[in-house]
C-alpha atoms as a PDB file:
ATOM      1  CA  MET A   1      93.075  67.235 115.641  1.00  0.00           C
ATOM      2  CA  ARG A   2      91.449  69.663 118.084  1.00  0.00           C
ATOM      3  CA  GLU A   3      89.840  72.302 115.858  1.00  0.00           C
ATOM      4  CA  ASP A   4      88.627  74.301 118.867  1.00  0.00           C
ATOM      5  CA  LEU A   5      92.151  74.472 120.311  1.00  0.00           C
ATOM      6  CA  ILE A   6      93.638  75.515 116.952  1.00  0.00           C
ATOM      7  CA  GLY A   7      90.985  78.193 116.555  1.00  0.00           C
ATOM      8  CA  ALA A   8      91.625  79.580 120.018  1.00  0.00           C
ATOM      9  CA  GLU A   9      95.379  79.760 119.424  1.00  0.00           C
ATOM     10  CA  ILE A  10      94.908  81.517 116.059  1.00  0.00           C
ATOM     11  CA  LEU A  11      92.617  84.099 117.680  1.00  0.00           C
ATOM     12  CA  ASP A  12      95.065  84.679 120.520  1.00  0.00           C
ATOM     13  CA  TRP A  13      97.804  85.295 117.943  1.00  0.00           C
ATOM     14  CA  TYR A  14      95.510  87.625 115.978  1.00  0.00           C
ATOM     15  CA  ASP A  15      94.647  89.674 119.094  1.00  0.00           C
ATOM     16  CA  ALA A  16      98.339  90.456 119.462  1.00  0.00           C
ATOM     17  CA  HIS A  17      99.480  90.684 115.871  1.00  0.00           C
ATOM     18  CA  ALA A  18      96.544  91.788 113.676  1.00  0.00           C
ATOM     19  CA  ARG A  19      97.467  93.986 110.774  1.00  0.00           C
ATOM     20  CA  GLN A  20      96.062  97.505 111.001  1.00  0.00           C
ATOM     21  CA  LEU A  21      94.110  98.066 107.795  1.00  0.00           C
ATOM     22  CA  PRO A  22      91.777 100.987 106.987  1.00  0.00           C
ATOM     23  CA  TRP A  23      88.726  98.774 106.521  1.00  0.00           C
ATOM     24  CA  ARG A  24      89.111  96.829 109.776  1.00  0.00           C
ATOM     25  CA  VAL A  25      88.064  97.324 113.354  1.00  0.00           C
ATOM     26  CA  PRO A  26      90.424  96.175 116.120  1.00  0.00           C
ATOM     27  CA  PRO A  27      90.255  92.453 117.011  1.00  0.00           C
ATOM     28  CA  GLY A  28      87.724  91.675 119.708  1.00  0.00           C
ATOM     29  CA  SER A  29      86.251  95.146 119.406  1.00  0.00           C
ATOM     30  CA  ALA A  30      82.673  95.866 120.374  1.00  0.00           C
ATOM     31  CA  GLU A  31      82.562  98.068 117.296  1.00  0.00           C
ATOM     32  CA  ARG A  32      80.923  96.316 114.318  1.00  0.00           C
ATOM     33  CA  ALA A  33      82.742  96.419 111.035  1.00  0.00           C
ATOM     34  CA  ASP A  34      80.984  98.516 108.381  1.00  0.00           C
ATOM     35  CA  PRO A  35      79.673  96.104 105.697  1.00  0.00           C
ATOM     36  CA  TYR A  36      80.147  98.805 103.038  1.00  0.00           C
ATOM     37  CA  ARG A  37      83.838  99.172 103.853  1.00  0.00           C
ATOM     38  CA  VAL A  38      84.284  95.376 104.159  1.00  0.00           C
ATOM     39  CA  TRP A  39      82.596  94.874 100.774  1.00  0.00           C
ATOM     40  CA  MET A  40      84.623  97.656  99.148  1.00  0.00           C
ATOM     41  CA  SER A  41      87.915  96.261 100.415  1.00  0.00           C
ATOM     42  CA  GLU A  42      87.148  92.679  99.446  1.00  0.00           C
ATOM     43  CA  ILE A  43      86.198  93.670  95.904  1.00  0.00           C
ATOM     44  CA  MET A  44      89.366  95.738  95.554  1.00  0.00           C
ATOM     45  CA  LEU A  45      91.557  92.967  97.048  1.00  0.00           C
ATOM     46  CA  GLN A  46      90.523  90.395  94.450  1.00  0.00           C
ATOM     47  CA  GLN A  47      93.709  89.601  92.496  1.00  0.00           C
ATOM     48  CA  THR A  48      95.332  92.690  94.026  1.00  0.00           C
ATOM     49  CA  THR A  49      97.746  93.229  96.953  1.00  0.00           C
ATOM     50  CA  VAL A  50      96.916  95.023 100.158  1.00  0.00           C
ATOM     51  CA  ALA A  51      99.692  97.571  99.453  1.00  0.00           C
ATOM     52  CA  ALA A  52      98.154  98.475  96.094  1.00  0.00           C
ATOM     53  CA  VAL A  53      94.596  98.663  97.472  1.00  0.00           C
ATOM     54  CA  LYS A  54      95.087 100.976 100.452  1.00  0.00           C
ATOM     55  CA  ALA A  55      95.326 104.269  98.547  1.00  0.00           C
ATOM     56  CA  TYR A  56      92.407 103.358  96.287  1.00  0.00           C
ATOM     57  CA  PHE A  57      90.270 102.370  99.253  1.00  0.00           C
ATOM     58  CA  GLU A  58      90.987 105.665 101.029  1.00  0.00           C
ATOM     59  CA  ARG A  59      90.137 107.696  97.917  1.00  0.00           C
ATOM     60  CA  PHE A  60      86.902 105.785  97.207  1.00  0.00           C
ATOM     61  CA  THR A  61      85.602 105.908 100.789  1.00  0.00           C
ATOM     62  CA  THR A  62      86.531 109.588 101.155  1.00  0.00           C
ATOM     63  CA  ARG A  63      84.805 110.536  97.929  1.00  0.00           C
ATOM     64  CA  TRP A  64      81.837 108.130  98.392  1.00  0.00           C
ATOM     65  CA  PRO A  65      81.582 107.373 102.162  1.00  0.00           C
ATOM     66  CA  THR A  66      78.349 105.352 101.956  1.00  0.00           C
ATOM     67  CA  VAL A  67      76.863 102.830  99.598  1.00  0.00           C
ATOM     68  CA  GLY A  68      74.173 105.418  98.739  1.00  0.00           C
ATOM     69  CA  ASP A  69      76.870 107.926  97.745  1.00  0.00           C
ATOM     70  CA  LEU A  70      78.483 105.343  95.489  1.00  0.00           C
ATOM     71  CA  ALA A  71      75.170 104.318  93.979  1.00  0.00           C
ATOM     72  CA  ALA A  72      74.521 107.911  92.975  1.00  0.00           C
ATOM     73  CA  ALA A  73      77.995 108.447  91.526  1.00  0.00           C
ATOM     74  CA  ASP A  74      78.694 109.129  87.884  1.00  0.00           C
ATOM     75  CA  ASP A  75      79.939 105.988  86.103  1.00  0.00           C
ATOM     76  CA  ALA A  76      82.864 107.793  84.484  1.00  0.00           C
ATOM     77  CA  ALA A  77      83.996 109.223  87.822  1.00  0.00           C
ATOM     78  CA  VAL A  78      84.060 105.767  89.412  1.00  0.00           C
ATOM     79  CA  MET A  79      85.827 104.180  86.479  1.00  0.00           C
ATOM     80  CA  GLY A  80      88.366 107.005  86.464  1.00  0.00           C
ATOM     81  CA  GLU A  81      89.106 106.527  90.186  1.00  0.00           C
ATOM     82  CA  TRP A  82      89.520 102.817  89.564  1.00  0.00           C
ATOM     83  CA  ALA A  83      92.034 103.299  86.718  1.00  0.00           C
ATOM     84  CA  GLY A  84      95.298 101.507  87.369  1.00  0.00           C
ATOM     85  CA  LEU A  85      93.841  98.979  89.829  1.00  0.00           C
ATOM     86  CA  GLY A  86      93.089  96.469  87.030  1.00  0.00           C
ATOM     87  CA  TYR A  87      90.368  93.858  86.553  1.00  0.00           C
ATOM     88  CA  TYR A  88      87.935  96.547  85.539  1.00  0.00           C
ATOM     89  CA  ALA A  89      84.837  94.367  85.619  1.00  0.00           C
ATOM     90  CA  ARG A  90      85.102  94.794  89.391  1.00  0.00           C
ATOM     91  CA  ALA A  91      84.463  98.522  89.078  1.00  0.00           C
ATOM     92  CA  ARG A  92      81.386  97.972  86.885  1.00  0.00           C
ATOM     93  CA  ASN A  93      80.065  95.412  89.364  1.00  0.00           C
ATOM     94  CA  LEU A  94      80.818  97.743  92.222  1.00  0.00           C
ATOM     95  CA  LEU A  95      78.368 100.272  90.785  1.00  0.00           C
ATOM     96  CA  LYS A  96      75.772  97.616  89.889  1.00  0.00           C
ATOM     97  CA  CYS A  97      75.910  96.155  93.390  1.00  0.00           C
ATOM     98  CA  ALA A  98      75.687  99.580  95.129  1.00  0.00           C
ATOM     99  CA  ARG A  99      72.618 100.451  93.098  1.00  0.00           C
ATOM    100  CA  VAL A 100      70.936  97.120  93.854  1.00  0.00           C
ATOM    101  CA  VAL A 101      71.626  97.550  97.575  1.00  0.00           C
ATOM    102  CA  VAL A 102      69.999 100.964  97.472  1.00  0.00           C
ATOM    103  CA  ALA A 103      67.131 100.094  95.154  1.00  0.00           C
ATOM    104  CA  ASP A 104      66.205  96.653  96.532  1.00  0.00           C
ATOM    105  CA  HIS A 105      67.547  96.684 100.095  1.00  0.00           C
ATOM    106  CA  GLY A 106      66.991 100.238 101.275  1.00  0.00           C
ATOM    107  CA  GLY A 107      70.661 101.031 101.270  1.00  0.00           C
ATOM    108  CA  THR A 108      71.505  98.278 103.777  1.00  0.00           C
ATOM    109  CA  PHE A 109      73.569  95.240 102.910  1.00  0.00           C
ATOM    110  CA  PRO A 110      71.894  91.830 103.457  1.00  0.00           C
ATOM    111  CA  ARG A 111      73.186  90.103 106.591  1.00  0.00           C
ATOM    112  CA  THR A 112      73.509  86.498 105.444  1.00  0.00           C
ATOM    113  CA  GLU A 113      75.897  84.749 103.078  1.00  0.00           C
ATOM    114  CA  ALA A 114      72.961  83.373 101.017  1.00  0.00           C
ATOM    115  CA  GLU A 115      71.382  86.830 100.522  1.00  0.00           C
ATOM    116  CA  LEU A 116      74.724  88.484  99.784  1.00  0.00           C
ATOM    117  CA  LEU A 117      75.298  85.934  96.993  1.00  0.00           C
ATOM    118  CA  THR A 118      72.300  87.374  95.116  1.00  0.00           C
ATOM    119  CA  LEU A 119      74.050  90.726  94.640  1.00  0.00           C
ATOM    120  CA  PRO A 120      75.958  91.600  91.415  1.00  0.00           C
ATOM    121  CA  GLY A 121      79.675  90.924  91.580  1.00  0.00           C
ATOM    122  CA  ILE A 122      79.576  89.089  94.927  1.00  0.00           C
ATOM    123  CA  GLY A 123      80.775  85.495  94.773  1.00  0.00           C
ATOM    124  CA  PRO A 124      81.213  82.838  97.436  1.00  0.00           C
ATOM    125  CA  TYR A 125      84.418  84.319  98.899  1.00  0.00           C
ATOM    126  CA  THR A 126      83.165  87.887  99.152  1.00  0.00           C
ATOM    127  CA  ALA A 127      79.771  86.847 100.491  1.00  0.00           C
ATOM    128  CA  ALA A 128      81.384  84.737 103.216  1.00  0.00           C
ATOM    129  CA  ALA A 129      83.829  87.549 104.097  1.00  0.00           C
ATOM    130  CA  ILE A 130      81.091  90.170 104.501  1.00  0.00           C
ATOM    131  CA  ALA A 131      78.773  87.801 106.387  1.00  0.00           C
ATOM    132  CA  SER A 132      81.478  86.754 108.833  1.00  0.00           C
ATOM    133  CA  ILE A 133      83.357  90.032 109.304  1.00  0.00           C
ATOM    134  CA  ALA A 134      80.405  92.466 109.327  1.00  0.00           C
ATOM    135  CA  PHE A 135      77.588  90.249 110.643  1.00  0.00           C
ATOM    136  CA  ASP A 136      79.254  87.479 112.712  1.00  0.00           C
ATOM    137  CA  GLU A 137      77.873  84.639 110.579  1.00  0.00           C
ATOM    138  CA  PRO A 138      80.159  81.592 110.889  1.00  0.00           C
ATOM    139  CA  ALA A 139      80.649  81.345 107.154  1.00  0.00           C
ATOM    140  CA  PRO A 140      83.986  79.803 106.090  1.00  0.00           C
ATOM    141  CA  VAL A 141      86.034  82.326 104.092  1.00  0.00           C
ATOM    142  CA  MET A 142      88.304  80.924 101.421  1.00  0.00           C
ATOM    143  CA  ASP A 143      90.966  83.011  99.706  1.00  0.00           C
ATOM    144  CA  GLY A 144      94.441  82.037  98.506  1.00  0.00           C
ATOM    145  CA  ASN A 145      96.021  82.721 101.884  1.00  0.00           C
ATOM    146  CA  ILE A 146      93.470  80.566 103.741  1.00  0.00           C
ATOM    147  CA  GLU A 147      93.679  77.775 101.169  1.00  0.00           C
ATOM    148  CA  ARG A 148      97.431  77.686 101.749  1.00  0.00           C
ATOM    149  CA  VAL A 149      97.042  77.595 105.522  1.00  0.00           C
ATOM    150  CA  MET A 150      94.516  74.765 105.282  1.00  0.00           C
ATOM    151  CA  ALA A 151      96.649  72.778 102.841  1.00  0.00           C
ATOM    152  CA  ARG A 152      99.657  72.938 105.170  1.00  0.00           C
ATOM    153  CA  LEU A 153      97.794  72.586 108.482  1.00  0.00           C
ATOM    154  CA  PHE A 154      96.052  69.430 107.321  1.00  0.00           C
ATOM    155  CA  ALA A 155      98.731  68.221 104.823  1.00  0.00           C
ATOM    156  CA  VAL A 156      96.398  68.198 101.812  1.00  0.00           C
ATOM    157  CA  GLU A 157      98.676  67.044  99.013  1.00  0.00           C
ATOM    158  CA  ALA A 158      96.128  66.959  96.188  1.00  0.00           C
ATOM    159  CA  PRO A 159      96.788  69.912  93.849  1.00  0.00           C
ATOM    160  CA  LEU A 160      94.671  73.026  93.430  1.00  0.00           C
ATOM    161  CA  PRO A 161      92.162  73.760  92.073  1.00  0.00           C
ATOM    162  CA  GLY A 162      90.834  70.213  92.517  1.00  0.00           C
ATOM    163  CA  SER A 163      91.510  70.225  96.226  1.00  0.00           C
ATOM    164  CA  LYS A 164      89.354  73.324  96.907  1.00  0.00           C
ATOM    165  CA  PRO A 165      86.340  71.356  98.296  1.00  0.00           C
ATOM    166  CA  VAL A 166      88.562  69.441 100.730  1.00  0.00           C
ATOM    167  CA  LEU A 167      90.264  72.649 101.887  1.00  0.00           C
ATOM    168  CA  LYS A 168      86.879  74.283 102.421  1.00  0.00           C
ATOM    169  CA  ASP A 169      85.670  71.304 104.487  1.00  0.00           C
ATOM    170  CA  HIS A 170      88.692  71.775 106.748  1.00  0.00           C
ATOM    171  CA  ALA A 171      88.053  75.540 107.043  1.00  0.00           C
ATOM    172  CA  THR A 172      84.363  74.938 107.843  1.00  0.00           C
ATOM    173  CA  ARG A 173      85.182  72.679 110.734  1.00  0.00           C
ATOM    174  CA  LEU A 174      87.743  75.181 111.986  1.00  0.00           C
ATOM    175  CA  THR A 175      85.393  78.224 111.821  1.00  0.00           C
ATOM    176  CA  PRO A 176      84.089  79.038 115.358  1.00  0.00           C
ATOM    177  CA  GLN A 177      80.632  80.231 116.257  1.00  0.00           C
ATOM    178  CA  SER A 178      82.177  83.038 118.286  1.00  0.00           C
ATOM    179  CA  ARG A 179      84.154  85.805 116.527  1.00  0.00           C
ATOM    180  CA  PRO A 180      84.038  84.159 113.077  1.00  0.00           C
ATOM    181  CA  GLY A 181      85.013  87.434 111.437  1.00  0.00           C
ATOM    182  CA  ASP A 182      88.156  87.804 113.522  1.00  0.00           C
ATOM    183  CA  HIS A 183      88.919  84.143 112.868  1.00  0.00           C
ATOM    184  CA  ALA A 184      88.679  84.676 109.074  1.00  0.00           C
ATOM    185  CA  GLN A 185      90.899  87.776 109.242  1.00  0.00           C
ATOM    186  CA  ALA A 186      93.352  85.950 111.503  1.00  0.00           C
ATOM    187  CA  LEU A 187      93.732  83.201 108.888  1.00  0.00           C
ATOM    188  CA  MET A 188      94.224  85.821 106.161  1.00  0.00           C
ATOM    189  CA  ASP A 189      96.938  87.508 108.219  1.00  0.00           C
ATOM    190  CA  LEU A 190      98.552  84.171 109.056  1.00  0.00           C
ATOM    191  CA  GLY A 191      98.825  83.303 105.397  1.00  0.00           C
ATOM    192  CA  ALA A 192      99.987  86.785 104.425  1.00  0.00           C
ATOM    193  CA  THR A 193     102.662  87.245 107.066  1.00  0.00           C
ATOM    194  CA  ILE A 194     103.832  83.821 108.343  1.00  0.00           C
ATOM    195  CA  CYS A 195     102.437  80.964 106.241  1.00  0.00           C
ATOM    196  CA  THR A 196     103.665  82.627 103.081  1.00  0.00           C
ATOM    197  CA  PRO A 197     103.943  80.964  99.649  1.00  0.00           C
ATOM    198  CA  LYS A 198     107.712  80.793  99.776  1.00  0.00           C
ATOM    199  CA  SER A 199     109.923  80.309 102.840  1.00  0.00           C
ATOM    200  CA  PRO A 200     107.086  80.114 105.439  1.00  0.00           C
ATOM    201  CA  ALA A 201     108.175  81.331 108.897  1.00  0.00           C
ATOM    202  CA  CYS A 202     107.154  78.117 110.609  1.00  0.00           C
ATOM    203  CA  GLY A 203     109.273  78.869 113.693  1.00  0.00           C
ATOM    204  CA  ILE A 204     106.968  81.693 114.773  1.00  0.00           C
ATOM    205  CA  CYS A 205     103.667  80.142 113.627  1.00  0.00           C
ATOM    206  CA  PRO A 206     101.085  80.050 116.456  1.00  0.00           C
ATOM    207  CA  VAL A 207      99.858  76.592 115.361  1.00  0.00           C
ATOM    208  CA  ILE A 208     103.134  74.968 114.484  1.00  0.00           C
ATOM    209  CA  GLU A 209     102.431  72.078 116.882  1.00  0.00           C
ATOM    210  CA  HIS A 210      99.308  71.197 114.966  1.00  0.00           C
ATOM    211  CA  CYS A 211     100.708  71.564 111.417  1.00  0.00           C
ATOM    212  CA  ALA A 212     100.657  68.169 109.677  1.00  0.00           C
ATOM    213  CA  ALA A 213     102.687  69.434 106.692  1.00  0.00           C
ATOM    214  CA  ARG A 214     105.376  70.783 108.997  1.00  0.00           C
ATOM    215  CA  ALA A 215     105.592  67.445 110.800  1.00  0.00           C
ATOM    216  CA  ALA A 216     105.921  65.684 107.463  1.00  0.00           C
ATOM    217  CA  GLY A 217     108.579  68.141 106.240  1.00  0.00           C
ATOM    218  CA  ILE A 218     106.507  69.242 103.227  1.00  0.00           C
ATOM    219  CA  ALA A 219     105.115  72.602 104.360  1.00  0.00           C
ATOM    220  CA  ALA A 220     107.025  74.643 101.747  1.00  0.00           C
ATOM    221  CA  GLU A 221     105.782  72.324  98.957  1.00  0.00           C
ATOM    222  CA  LEU A 222     102.086  72.958  99.711  1.00  0.00           C
ATOM    223  CA  PRO A 223      99.667  73.727  98.311  1.00  0.00           C
ATOM    224  CA  ARG A 224     100.533  71.919  95.105  1.00  0.00           C
ATOM    225  CA  LYS A 225      99.001  73.280  91.929  1.00  0.00           C
ATOM    226  CA  SER A 226      98.073  71.738  88.632  1.00  0.00           C
ATOM    227  CA  PRO A 227     100.273  72.922  85.725  1.00  0.00           C
ATOM    228  CA  LYS A 228      99.063  76.088  84.064  1.00  0.00           C
ATOM    229  CA  LYS A 229      98.537  76.391  80.343  1.00  0.00           C
ATOM    230  CA  ALA A 230     100.777  78.898  78.590  1.00  0.00           C
ATOM    231  CA  LYS A 231      99.051  82.225  77.935  1.00  0.00           C
ATOM    232  CA  PRO A 232      98.474  83.031  74.271  1.00  0.00           C
ATOM    233  CA  VAL A 233      99.773  86.255  72.696  1.00  0.00           C
ATOM    234  CA  ARG A 234      97.461  88.691  70.953  1.00  0.00           C
ATOM    235  CA  PHE A 235      98.437  91.632  68.795  1.00  0.00           C
ATOM    236  CA  GLY A 236      97.027  95.022  67.940  1.00  0.00           C
ATOM    237  CA  TYR A 237      97.637  98.715  67.181  1.00  0.00           C
ATOM    238  CA  ALA A 238      97.390 101.713  69.532  1.00  0.00           C
ATOM    239  CA  TYR A 239      96.658 105.100  67.995  1.00  0.00           C
ATOM    240  CA  ILE A 240      97.901 108.338  69.609  1.00  0.00           C
ATOM    241  CA  ALA A 241      96.455 111.381  67.785  1.00  0.00           C
ATOM    242  CA  ARG A 242      96.986 114.960  68.922  1.00  0.00           C
ATOM    243  CA  LYS A 243      95.792 118.353  67.669  1.00  0.00           C
ATOM    244  CA  PRO A 244      98.063 121.464  67.513  1.00  0.00           C
ATOM    245  CA  ASP A 245      96.564 122.702  70.787  1.00  0.00           C
ATOM    246  CA  GLY A 246      97.537 119.435  72.517  1.00  0.00           C
ATOM    247  CA  ALA A 247      94.073 117.814  72.598  1.00  0.00           C
ATOM    248  CA  ILE A 248      94.342 114.032  72.504  1.00  0.00           C
ATOM    249  CA  LEU A 249      91.980 111.522  70.935  1.00  0.00           C
ATOM    250  CA  LEU A 250      90.316 109.216  73.467  1.00  0.00           C
ATOM    251  CA  GLU A 251      87.339 106.896  73.439  1.00  0.00           C
ATOM    252  CA  THR A 252      85.178 105.039  75.944  1.00  0.00           C
ATOM    253  CA  ARG A 253      85.292 101.287  75.485  1.00  0.00           C
ATOM    254  CA  PRO A 254      82.023  99.368  75.136  1.00  0.00           C
ATOM    255  CA  ASP A 255      80.370  98.508  78.466  1.00  0.00           C
ATOM    256  CA  ARG A 256      80.676  94.774  77.777  1.00  0.00           C
ATOM    257  CA  GLY A 257      84.005  93.051  77.403  1.00  0.00           C
ATOM    258  CA  LEU A 258      87.534  93.598  78.588  1.00  0.00           C
ATOM    259  CA  LEU A 259      88.104  97.050  80.138  1.00  0.00           C
ATOM    260  CA  GLY A 260      84.445  97.810  79.498  1.00  0.00           C
ATOM    261  CA  GLY A 261      83.303 101.343  80.135  1.00  0.00           C
ATOM    262  CA  MET A 262      86.888 102.622  80.618  1.00  0.00           C
ATOM    263  CA  LEU A 263      88.460 105.683  79.036  1.00  0.00           C
ATOM    264  CA  ALA A 264      90.968 104.457  76.477  1.00  0.00           C
ATOM    265  CA  ILE A 265      93.458 105.214  73.739  1.00  0.00           C
ATOM    266  CA  PRO A 266      91.819 104.039  70.480  1.00  0.00           C
ATOM    267  CA  THR A 267      93.070 100.643  69.298  1.00  0.00           C
ATOM    268  CA  SER A 268      92.473  98.043  66.681  1.00  0.00           C
ATOM    269  CA  ASP A 269      91.028  94.689  67.640  1.00  0.00           C
ATOM    270  CA  TRP A 270      93.291  92.382  69.636  1.00  0.00           C
ATOM    271  CA  SER A 271      93.815  89.081  67.856  1.00  0.00           C
ATOM    272  CA  ASP A 272      96.334  86.788  66.147  1.00  0.00           C
ATOM    273  CA  ALA A 273      96.234  88.919  62.963  1.00  0.00           C
ATOM    274  CA  PRO A 274      94.604  92.294  63.687  1.00  0.00           C
ATOM    275  CA  ALA A 275      93.747  94.710  60.900  1.00  0.00           C
ATOM    276  CA  GLU A 276      94.751  98.351  61.175  1.00  0.00           C
ATOM    277  CA  ASP A 277      91.755 100.460  62.208  1.00  0.00           C
ATOM    278  CA  PRO A 278      92.819 104.121  62.619  1.00  0.00           C
ATOM    279  CA  PRO A 279      90.187 106.283  64.355  1.00  0.00           C
ATOM    280  CA  VAL A 280      90.807 109.354  62.216  1.00  0.00           C
ATOM    281  CA  ASP A 281      91.751 109.851  58.550  1.00  0.00           C
ATOM    282  CA  THR A 282      95.257 111.319  58.602  1.00  0.00           C
ATOM    283  CA  GLN A 283      98.869 110.408  57.994  1.00  0.00           C
ATOM    284  CA  TRP A 284      99.937 107.936  60.694  1.00  0.00           C
ATOM    285  CA  HIS A 285     103.558 107.298  61.606  1.00  0.00           C
ATOM    286  CA  ASP A 286     105.184 104.141  62.815  1.00  0.00           C
ATOM    287  CA  PRO A 287     107.869 104.858  65.439  1.00  0.00           C
ATOM    288  CA  ASP A 288     108.701 101.154  65.671  1.00  0.00           C
ATOM    289  CA  LEU A 289     107.592 100.973  69.338  1.00  0.00           C
ATOM    290  CA  GLU A 290     105.482  98.313  70.991  1.00  0.00           C
ATOM    291  CA  VAL A 291     103.203  98.404  74.013  1.00  0.00           C
ATOM    292  CA  ARG A 292     103.387  95.174  76.013  1.00  0.00           C
ATOM    293  CA  HIS A 293     100.890  94.209  78.697  1.00  0.00           C
ATOM    294  CA  THR A 294      99.730  91.022  80.374  1.00  0.00           C
ATOM    295  CA  PHE A 295      96.089  90.338  81.197  1.00  0.00           C
ATOM    296  CA  THR A 296      94.762  87.371  83.166  1.00  0.00           C
ATOM    297  CA  HIS A 297      94.300  85.159  80.135  1.00  0.00           C
ATOM    298  CA  PHE A 298      96.693  86.514  77.517  1.00  0.00           C
ATOM    299  CA  HIS A 299      99.693  88.647  76.713  1.00  0.00           C
ATOM    300  CA  LEU A 300      99.099  91.725  74.515  1.00  0.00           C
ATOM    301  CA  ARG A 301     101.545  93.376  72.122  1.00  0.00           C
ATOM    302  CA  MET A 302     100.418  96.568  70.377  1.00  0.00           C
ATOM    303  CA  ALA A 303     102.353  98.451  67.757  1.00  0.00           C
ATOM    304  CA  LEU A 304     102.242 102.198  68.382  1.00  0.00           C
ATOM    305  CA  ARG A 305     100.949 104.611  65.756  1.00  0.00           C
ATOM    306  CA  VAL A 306     101.186 108.389  66.171  1.00  0.00           C
ATOM    307  CA  ALA A 307      99.769 111.350  64.280  1.00  0.00           C
ATOM    308  CA  SER A 308      99.425 115.114  64.452  1.00  0.00           C
ATOM    309  CA  VAL A 309      96.067 116.130  62.999  1.00  0.00           C
ATOM    310  CA  ALA A 310      94.498 119.414  61.918  1.00  0.00           C
ATOM    311  CA  GLN A 311      92.655 121.444  64.501  1.00  0.00           C
ATOM    312  CA  ASP A 312      89.316 120.750  62.755  1.00  0.00           C
ATOM    313  CA  ALA A 313      89.916 117.015  62.287  1.00  0.00           C
ATOM    314  CA  THR A 314      86.886 114.824  63.003  1.00  0.00           C
ATOM    315  CA  PRO A 315      87.446 111.264  64.234  1.00  0.00           C
ATOM    316  CA  THR A 316      85.353 108.289  63.149  1.00  0.00           C
ATOM    317  CA  ARG A 317      85.122 107.267  66.803  1.00  0.00           C
ATOM    318  CA  GLY A 318      86.017 108.829  70.129  1.00  0.00           C
ATOM    319  CA  ALA A 319      86.568 112.522  70.782  1.00  0.00           C
ATOM    320  CA  PHE A 320      89.455 114.883  71.232  1.00  0.00           C
ATOM    321  CA  VAL A 321      89.909 115.841  74.868  1.00  0.00           C
ATOM    322  CA  PRO A 322      91.633 119.154  75.727  1.00  0.00           C
ATOM    323  CA  LEU A 323      94.970 118.683  77.390  1.00  0.00           C
ATOM    324  CA  ALA A 324      93.774 120.636  80.467  1.00  0.00           C
ATOM    325  CA  GLN A 325      90.949 118.119  80.949  1.00  0.00           C
ATOM    326  CA  PHE A 326      93.047 115.012  80.521  1.00  0.00           C
ATOM    327  CA  SER A 327      95.029 113.128  83.155  1.00  0.00           C
ATOM    328  CA  PRO A 328      96.906 109.948  82.131  1.00  0.00           C
ATOM    329  CA  LYS A 329      96.084 108.612  85.619  1.00  0.00           C
ATOM    330  CA  THR A 330      92.475 108.072  84.459  1.00  0.00           C
ATOM    331  CA  LEU A 331      93.619 105.540  81.873  1.00  0.00           C
ATOM    332  CA  PRO A 332      93.914 101.837  82.562  1.00  0.00           C
ATOM    333  CA  THR A 333      97.526 100.710  82.763  1.00  0.00           C
ATOM    334  CA  VAL A 334      97.731  99.302  79.243  1.00  0.00           C
ATOM    335  CA  PHE A 335      96.650 102.632  77.715  1.00  0.00           C
ATOM    336  CA  ARG A 336      98.774 104.659  80.072  1.00  0.00           C
ATOM    337  CA  LYS A 337     101.764 102.618  78.801  1.00  0.00           C
ATOM    338  CA  ALA A 338     100.865 103.620  75.253  1.00  0.00           C
ATOM    339  CA  PHE A 339     100.552 107.275  76.224  1.00  0.00           C
ATOM    340  CA  ASP A 340     103.868 107.250  78.106  1.00  0.00           C
ATOM    341  CA  LEU A 341     105.582 105.555  75.200  1.00  0.00           C
ATOM    342  CA  SER A 342     104.275 108.204  72.790  1.00  0.00           C
ATOM    343  CA  ARG A 343     105.890 110.992  74.829  1.00  0.00           C
ATOM    344  CA  GLY A 344     109.256 109.929  73.429  1.00  0.00           C
ATOM    345  CA  VAL A 345     108.044 110.271  69.844  1.00  0.00           C
ATOM    346  CA  SER A 346     107.857 113.419  67.683  1.00  0.00           C
ATOM    347  CA  VAL A 347     104.869 114.287  65.536  1.00  0.00           C
ATOM    348  CA  ASP A 348     106.466 112.652  62.471  1.00  0.00           C
ATOM    349  CA  GLY A 349     106.978 109.397  64.323  1.00  0.00           C
ATOM    350  CA  ALA A 350     110.700 109.830  64.975  1.00  0.00           C
ATOM    351  CA  ARG A 351     111.992 108.999  68.421  1.00  0.00           C
ATOM    352  CA  ARG A 352     113.218 111.952  70.445  1.00  0.00           C
ATOM    353  CA  ASN A 353     116.727 111.812  71.900  1.00  0.00           C
ATOM    354  CA  GLY A 354     116.774 110.955  75.600  1.00  0.00           C
END
């Protein structure tokens, strides 16, 4: 198989059909991609769709246009802007990385894949993406889209994740010395728009003549994946407490662990048999409502508890936040679900009509 010919055809296609994204420069442009914007986009795009990321990216880069601006930002402000995007360890690592870049690298991102790998929160994929897109290093970039393209192009039938090394070997041989960043983004676009997981549009693929899986009639079956284990279910309680003036009880979760450092509705622990752990001594009501949410490794089901407390009530943890200073948008999705669910409940726990 002529890797150089395939690479040239993919770049020709990209020159004509590249997606316009706020963190990109036009294909073949003399303008160099900003490593800060490349890094920001790649961190946000982990486990998240382009459509979901665009608005967050625009808000972050408007509010903090340089890595120095982000490094100097207040932690709570960054976590609040991230709310709703999920996978919150990314936001914590975003701050850590920005501060290391400023403190140890003079506010300039390292230029090589090896150096980028030393930064907090930057793994092999992100390091290769920054190195190739921002600094023209021919580092093979491997995300889900590119793995799928490689599996089909070279008819790799071994299932993921075991086949990852083989797929990377193919991608390495395919990566050109010239325009490696455009090549990587071309493969991303090819996988996102044509070589899609279901019903790939093989008829308009720029490399259909080279696709071994297409020739074998198995393109739609690849890449194969090893069976996933069923996600366990954990349980808990979510506590919504309000004062007469509308202030709501919130807490900041510990820095370490799931949703670390995020503003939250107080909850019990999440386990097979959680114990009730109300954050303030008062009469709690059970409206018989349940918050359901799915994380990467488990499903969560939390029973809702609501209470109206005295104006001078003092919680055992967290603090009451005045209604004028609170926006549900600053809550991670699981807690925003709890808050939204509580809106349909009266102070005595009864459900409101409608």
